[in-house]
């Protein structure tokens, strides 16, 4: 499933960096912390690699 917004894509990238040990888990907050805990590295990679072109900055929760 691709990211639906730029902010979702960036949060996935931060969580992915933590999964790979490139960033400390303690530095995670908000959506990136939730993604780190609930998603696999493969799922995070898919979200983080989504193209940003044409994506809104944020998507409202519905």
PDB file of N, CA and C in Angstrom:
ATOM      1  N   UNK A   1       0.847  -1.172   0.000  1.00  0.00           N
ATOM      2  CA  UNK A   1       0.000   0.000   0.000  1.00  0.00           C
ATOM      3  C   UNK A   1       0.898   1.243   0.000  1.00  0.00           C
ATOM      4  N   UNK A   2       0.747   2.127  -0.944  1.00  0.00           N
ATOM      5  CA  UNK A   2       1.577   3.333  -0.986  1.00  0.00           C
ATOM      6  C   UNK A   2       1.094   4.388   0.007  1.00  0.00           C
ATOM      7  N   UNK A   3       1.991   5.284   0.376  1.00  0.00           N
ATOM      8  CA  UNK A   3       1.644   6.393   1.256  1.00  0.00           C
ATOM      9  C   UNK A   3       0.642   7.301   0.558  1.00  0.00           C
ATOM     10  N   UNK A   4      -0.262   7.901   1.328  1.00  0.00           N
ATOM     11  CA  UNK A   4      -1.287   8.761   0.761  1.00  0.00           C
ATOM     12  C   UNK A   4      -0.935  10.239   0.847  1.00  0.00           C
ATOM     13  N   UNK A   5       0.115  10.591   1.594  1.00  0.00           N
ATOM     14  CA  UNK A   5       0.530  11.982   1.707  1.00  0.00           C
ATOM     15  C   UNK A   5       2.035  12.072   1.913  1.00  0.00           C
ATOM     16  N   UNK A   6       2.559  13.281   1.745  1.00  0.00           N
ATOM     17  CA  UNK A   6       3.991  13.502   1.935  1.00  0.00           C
ATOM     18  C   UNK A   6       4.382  13.262   3.388  1.00  0.00           C
ATOM     19  N   UNK A   7       3.538  13.693   4.322  1.00  0.00           N
ATOM     20  CA  UNK A   7       3.871  13.522   5.734  1.00  0.00           C
ATOM     21  C   UNK A   7       3.880  12.047   6.121  1.00  0.00           C
ATOM     22  N   UNK A   8       2.978  11.260   5.562  1.00  0.00           N
ATOM     23  CA  UNK A   8       2.938   9.826   5.834  1.00  0.00           C
ATOM     24  C   UNK A   8       4.200   9.154   5.272  1.00  0.00           C
ATOM     25  N   UNK A   9       4.623   9.579   4.111  1.00  0.00           N
ATOM     26  CA  UNK A   9       5.818   9.033   3.474  1.00  0.00           C
ATOM     27  C   UNK A   9       7.068   9.367   4.304  1.00  0.00           C
ATOM     28  N   UNK A  10       7.137  10.596   4.797  1.00  0.00           N
ATOM     29  CA  UNK A  10       8.296  10.994   5.595  1.00  0.00           C
ATOM     30  C   UNK A  10       8.334  10.260   6.939  1.00  0.00           C
ATOM     31  N   UNK A  11       7.175  10.096   7.579  1.00  0.00           N
ATOM     32  CA  UNK A  11       7.115   9.366   8.846  1.00  0.00           C
ATOM     33  C   UNK A  11       7.572   7.917   8.649  1.00  0.00           C
ATOM     34  N   UNK A  12       7.186   7.321   7.556  1.00  0.00           N
ATOM     35  CA  UNK A  12       7.600   5.950   7.252  1.00  0.00           C
ATOM     36  C   UNK A  12       9.112   5.884   7.049  1.00  0.00           C
ATOM     37  N   UNK A  13       9.674   6.879   6.407  1.00  0.00           N
ATOM     38  CA  UNK A  13      11.119   6.918   6.198  1.00  0.00           C
ATOM     39  C   UNK A  13      11.882   7.017   7.506  1.00  0.00           C
ATOM     40  N   UNK A  14      11.374   7.802   8.443  1.00  0.00           N
ATOM     41  CA  UNK A  14      12.015   7.942   9.751  1.00  0.00           C
ATOM     42  C   UNK A  14      11.914   6.625  10.524  1.00  0.00           C
ATOM     43  N   UNK A  15      10.737   6.007  10.499  1.00  0.00           N
ATOM     44  CA  UNK A  15      10.548   4.724  11.182  1.00  0.00           C
ATOM     45  C   UNK A  15      11.431   3.642  10.567  1.00  0.00           C
ATOM     46  N   UNK A  16      11.569   3.664   9.258  1.00  0.00           N
ATOM     47  CA  UNK A  16      12.413   2.694   8.567  1.00  0.00           C
ATOM     48  C   UNK A  16      13.875   2.858   8.988  1.00  0.00           C
ATOM     49  N   UNK A  17      14.320   4.092   9.107  1.00  0.00           N
ATOM     50  CA  UNK A  17      15.695   4.347   9.547  1.00  0.00           C
ATOM     51  C   UNK A  17      15.921   3.779  10.950  1.00  0.00           C
ATOM     52  N   UNK A  18      14.925   3.888  11.814  1.00  0.00           N
ATOM     53  CA  UNK A  18      15.039   3.333  13.165  1.00  0.00           C
ATOM     54  C   UNK A  18      15.062   1.804  13.126  1.00  0.00           C
ATOM     55  N   UNK A  19      14.240   1.205  12.268  1.00  0.00           N
ATOM     56  CA  UNK A  19      14.223  -0.266  12.140  1.00  0.00           C
ATOM     57  C   UNK A  19      15.587  -0.776  11.688  1.00  0.00           C
ATOM     58  N   UNK A  20      16.252  -0.009  10.840  1.00  0.00           N
ATOM     59  CA  UNK A  20      17.560  -0.407  10.303  1.00  0.00           C
ATOM     60  C   UNK A  20      18.713  -0.029  11.220  1.00  0.00           C
ATOM     61  N   UNK A  21      18.411   0.640  12.345  1.00  0.00           N
ATOM     62  CA  UNK A  21      19.444   1.021  13.295  1.00  0.00           C
ATOM     63  C   UNK A  21      20.175   2.294  12.945  1.00  0.00           C
ATOM     64  N   UNK A  22      19.676   3.048  11.986  1.00  0.00           N
ATOM     65  CA  UNK A  22      20.310   4.293  11.562  1.00  0.00           C
ATOM     66  C   UNK A  22      19.856   5.472  12.419  1.00  0.00           C
ATOM     67  N   UNK A  23      18.802   5.282  13.183  1.00  0.00           N
ATOM     68  CA  UNK A  23      18.236   6.311  14.045  1.00  0.00           C
ATOM     69  C   UNK A  23      17.821   5.632  15.341  1.00  0.00           C
ATOM     70  N   UNK A  24      17.935   6.337  16.457  1.00  0.00           N
ATOM     71  CA  UNK A  24      17.562   5.758  17.744  1.00  0.00           C
ATOM     72  C   UNK A  24      16.047   5.687  17.886  1.00  0.00           C
ATOM     73  N   UNK A  25      15.562   4.587  18.427  1.00  0.00           N
ATOM     74  CA  UNK A  25      14.128   4.409  18.646  1.00  0.00           C
ATOM     75  C   UNK A  25      13.592   5.484  19.589  1.00  0.00           C
ATOM     76  N   UNK A  26      14.393   5.921  20.531  1.00  0.00           N
ATOM     77  CA  UNK A  26      13.972   6.935  21.496  1.00  0.00           C
ATOM     78  C   UNK A  26      13.724   8.300  20.856  1.00  0.00           C
ATOM     79  N   UNK A  27      14.234   8.511  19.647  1.00  0.00           N
ATOM     80  CA  UNK A  27      14.048   9.784  18.940  1.00  0.00           C
ATOM     81  C   UNK A  27      12.723   9.838  18.185  1.00  0.00           C
ATOM     82  N   UNK A  28      12.036   8.720  18.083  1.00  0.00           N
ATOM     83  CA  UNK A  28      10.779   8.668  17.340  1.00  0.00           C
ATOM     84  C   UNK A  28       9.636   9.285  18.136  1.00  0.00           C
ATOM     85  N   UNK A  29       8.744   9.974  17.414  1.00  0.00           N
ATOM     86  CA  UNK A  29       7.553  10.540  18.037  1.00  0.00           C
ATOM     87  C   UNK A  29       6.373  10.398  17.085  1.00  0.00           C
ATOM     88  N   UNK A  30       5.181  10.504  17.623  1.00  0.00           N
ATOM     89  CA  UNK A  30       3.970  10.534  16.813  1.00  0.00           C
ATOM     90  C   UNK A  30       3.815   9.371  15.867  1.00  0.00           C
ATOM     91  N   UNK A  31       3.514   9.714  14.606  1.00  0.00           N
ATOM     92  CA  UNK A  31       3.214   8.708  13.591  1.00  0.00           C
ATOM     93  C   UNK A  31       4.397   7.786  13.318  1.00  0.00           C
ATOM     94  N   UNK A  32       5.607   8.330  13.328  1.00  0.00           N
ATOM     95  CA  UNK A  32       6.766   7.478  13.046  1.00  0.00           C
ATOM     96  C   UNK A  32       6.954   6.429  14.144  1.00  0.00           C
ATOM     97  N   UNK A  33       6.660   6.779  15.394  1.00  0.00           N
ATOM     98  CA  UNK A  33       6.760   5.823  16.495  1.00  0.00           C
ATOM     99  C   UNK A  33       5.707   4.728  16.356  1.00  0.00           C
ATOM    100  N   UNK A  34       4.490   5.123  16.007  1.00  0.00           N
ATOM    101  CA  UNK A  34       3.413   4.151  15.802  1.00  0.00           C
ATOM    102  C   UNK A  34       3.733   3.214  14.642  1.00  0.00           C
ATOM    103  N   UNK A  35       4.257   3.779  13.552  1.00  0.00           N
ATOM    104  CA  UNK A  35       4.614   2.962  12.388  1.00  0.00           C
ATOM    105  C   UNK A  35       5.731   1.990  12.742  1.00  0.00           C
ATOM    106  N   UNK A  36       6.721   2.446  13.495  1.00  0.00           N
ATOM    107  CA  UNK A  36       7.838   1.598  13.898  1.00  0.00           C
ATOM    108  C   UNK A  36       7.339   0.366  14.647  1.00  0.00           C
ATOM    109  N   UNK A  37       6.386   0.585  15.541  1.00  0.00           N
ATOM    110  CA  UNK A  37       5.888  -0.496  16.390  1.00  0.00           C
ATOM    111  C   UNK A  37       4.925  -1.429  15.676  1.00  0.00           C
ATOM    112  N   UNK A  38       4.202  -0.933  14.675  1.00  0.00           N
ATOM    113  CA  UNK A  38       3.135  -1.746  14.084  1.00  0.00           C
ATOM    114  C   UNK A  38       3.410  -2.280  12.684  1.00  0.00           C
ATOM    115  N   UNK A  39       4.493  -1.847  12.054  1.00  0.00           N
ATOM    116  CA  UNK A  39       4.752  -2.244  10.672  1.00  0.00           C
ATOM    117  C   UNK A  39       6.093  -2.962  10.542  1.00  0.00           C
ATOM    118  N   UNK A  40       6.175  -3.847   9.564  1.00  0.00           N
ATOM    119  CA  UNK A  40       7.429  -4.544   9.291  1.00  0.00           C
ATOM    120  C   UNK A  40       8.351  -3.631   8.479  1.00  0.00           C
ATOM    121  N   UNK A  41       9.612  -4.016   8.410  1.00  0.00           N
ATOM    122  CA  UNK A  41      10.580  -3.242   7.627  1.00  0.00           C
ATOM    123  C   UNK A  41      10.162  -3.200   6.157  1.00  0.00           C
ATOM    124  N   UNK A  42       9.629  -4.296   5.659  1.00  0.00           N
ATOM    125  CA  UNK A  42       9.171  -4.357   4.266  1.00  0.00           C
ATOM    126  C   UNK A  42       8.019  -3.381   4.013  1.00  0.00           C
ATOM    127  N   UNK A  43       7.062  -3.314   4.932  1.00  0.00           N
ATOM    128  CA  UNK A  43       5.936  -2.398   4.783  1.00  0.00           C
ATOM    129  C   UNK A  43       6.411  -0.953   4.851  1.00  0.00           C
ATOM    130  N   UNK A  44       7.314  -0.660   5.769  1.00  0.00           N
ATOM    131  CA  UNK A  44       7.849   0.697   5.891  1.00  0.00           C
ATOM    132  C   UNK A  44       8.607   1.098   4.632  1.00  0.00           C
ATOM    133  N   UNK A  45       9.358   0.164   4.070  1.00  0.00           N
ATOM    134  CA  UNK A  45      10.103   0.444   2.845  1.00  0.00           C
ATOM    135  C   UNK A  45       9.144   0.795   1.707  1.00  0.00           C
ATOM    136  N   UNK A  46       8.026   0.083   1.630  1.00  0.00           N
ATOM    137  CA  UNK A  46       7.034   0.360   0.589  1.00  0.00           C
ATOM    138  C   UNK A  46       6.436   1.764   0.756  1.00  0.00           C
ATOM    139  N   UNK A  47       6.097   2.124   1.991  1.00  0.00           N
ATOM    140  CA  UNK A  47       5.553   3.457   2.252  1.00  0.00           C
ATOM    141  C   UNK A  47       6.586   4.534   1.955  1.00  0.00           C
ATOM    142  N   UNK A  48       7.813   4.331   2.430  1.00  0.00           N
ATOM    143  CA  UNK A  48       8.856   5.338   2.293  1.00  0.00           C
ATOM    144  C   UNK A  48       9.284   5.545   0.844  1.00  0.00           C
ATOM    145  N   UNK A  49       9.146   4.529   0.014  1.00  0.00           N
ATOM    146  CA  UNK A  49       9.593   4.642  -1.377  1.00  0.00           C
ATOM    147  C   UNK A  49       8.520   5.198  -2.309  1.00  0.00           C
ATOM    148  N   UNK A  50       7.361   5.534  -1.775  1.00  0.00           N
ATOM    149  CA  UNK A  50       6.279   6.115  -2.573  1.00  0.00           C
ATOM    150  C   UNK A  50       6.731   7.445  -3.170  1.00  0.00           C
ATOM    151  N   UNK A  51       6.424   7.673  -4.421  1.00  0.00           N
ATOM    152  CA  UNK A  51       6.762   8.941  -5.066  1.00  0.00           C
ATOM    153  C   UNK A  51       5.954  10.067  -4.435  1.00  0.00           C
ATOM    154  N   UNK A  52       6.571  11.212  -4.231  1.00  0.00           N
ATOM    155  CA  UNK A  52       5.902  12.355  -3.598  1.00  0.00           C
ATOM    156  C   UNK A  52       5.114  13.210  -4.580  1.00  0.00           C
ATOM    157  N   UNK A  53       5.471  13.154  -5.832  1.00  0.00           N
ATOM    158  CA  UNK A  53       4.834  14.026  -6.819  1.00  0.00           C
ATOM    159  C   UNK A  53       3.323  13.800  -6.852  1.00  0.00           C
ATOM    160  N   UNK A  54       2.575  14.885  -6.710  1.00  0.00           N
ATOM    161  CA  UNK A  54       1.118  14.814  -6.767  1.00  0.00           C
ATOM    162  C   UNK A  54       0.456  14.438  -5.456  1.00  0.00           C
ATOM    163  N   UNK A  55       1.242  14.213  -4.399  1.00  0.00           N
ATOM    164  CA  UNK A  55       0.685  13.855  -3.100  1.00  0.00           C
ATOM    165  C   UNK A  55       0.398  15.128  -2.303  1.00  0.00           C
ATOM    166  N   UNK A  56      -0.696  15.153  -1.546  1.00  0.00           N
ATOM    167  CA  UNK A  56      -0.944  16.298  -0.659  1.00  0.00           C
ATOM    168  C   UNK A  56       0.027  16.257   0.526  1.00  0.00           C
ATOM    169  N   UNK A  57       0.196  17.400   1.195  1.00  0.00           N
ATOM    170  CA  UNK A  57       1.079  17.433   2.356  1.00  0.00           C
ATOM    171  C   UNK A  57       0.538  16.559   3.474  1.00  0.00           C
ATOM    172  N   UNK A  58      -0.769  16.627   3.711  1.00  0.00           N
ATOM    173  CA  UNK A  58      -1.422  15.860   4.777  1.00  0.00           C
ATOM    174  C   UNK A  58      -2.733  15.294   4.259  1.00  0.00           C
ATOM    175  N   UNK A  59      -3.191  14.225   4.881  1.00  0.00           N
ATOM    176  CA  UNK A  59      -4.483  13.643   4.573  1.00  0.00           C
ATOM    177  C   UNK A  59      -5.271  13.618   5.873  1.00  0.00           C
ATOM    178  N   UNK A  60      -6.491  14.125   5.834  1.00  0.00           N
ATOM    179  CA  UNK A  60      -7.301  14.147   7.046  1.00  0.00           C
ATOM    180  C   UNK A  60      -7.743  12.739   7.423  1.00  0.00           C
ATOM    181  N   UNK A  61      -7.878  12.506   8.721  1.00  0.00           N
ATOM    182  CA  UNK A  61      -8.334  11.213   9.212  1.00  0.00           C
ATOM    183  C   UNK A  61      -9.835  11.112   9.021  1.00  0.00           C
ATOM    184  N   UNK A  62     -10.294  10.035   8.421  1.00  0.00           N
ATOM    185  CA  UNK A  62     -11.734   9.858   8.231  1.00  0.00           C
ATOM    186  C   UNK A  62     -12.160   8.485   8.666  1.00  0.00           C
TER     187      UNK A  62
END
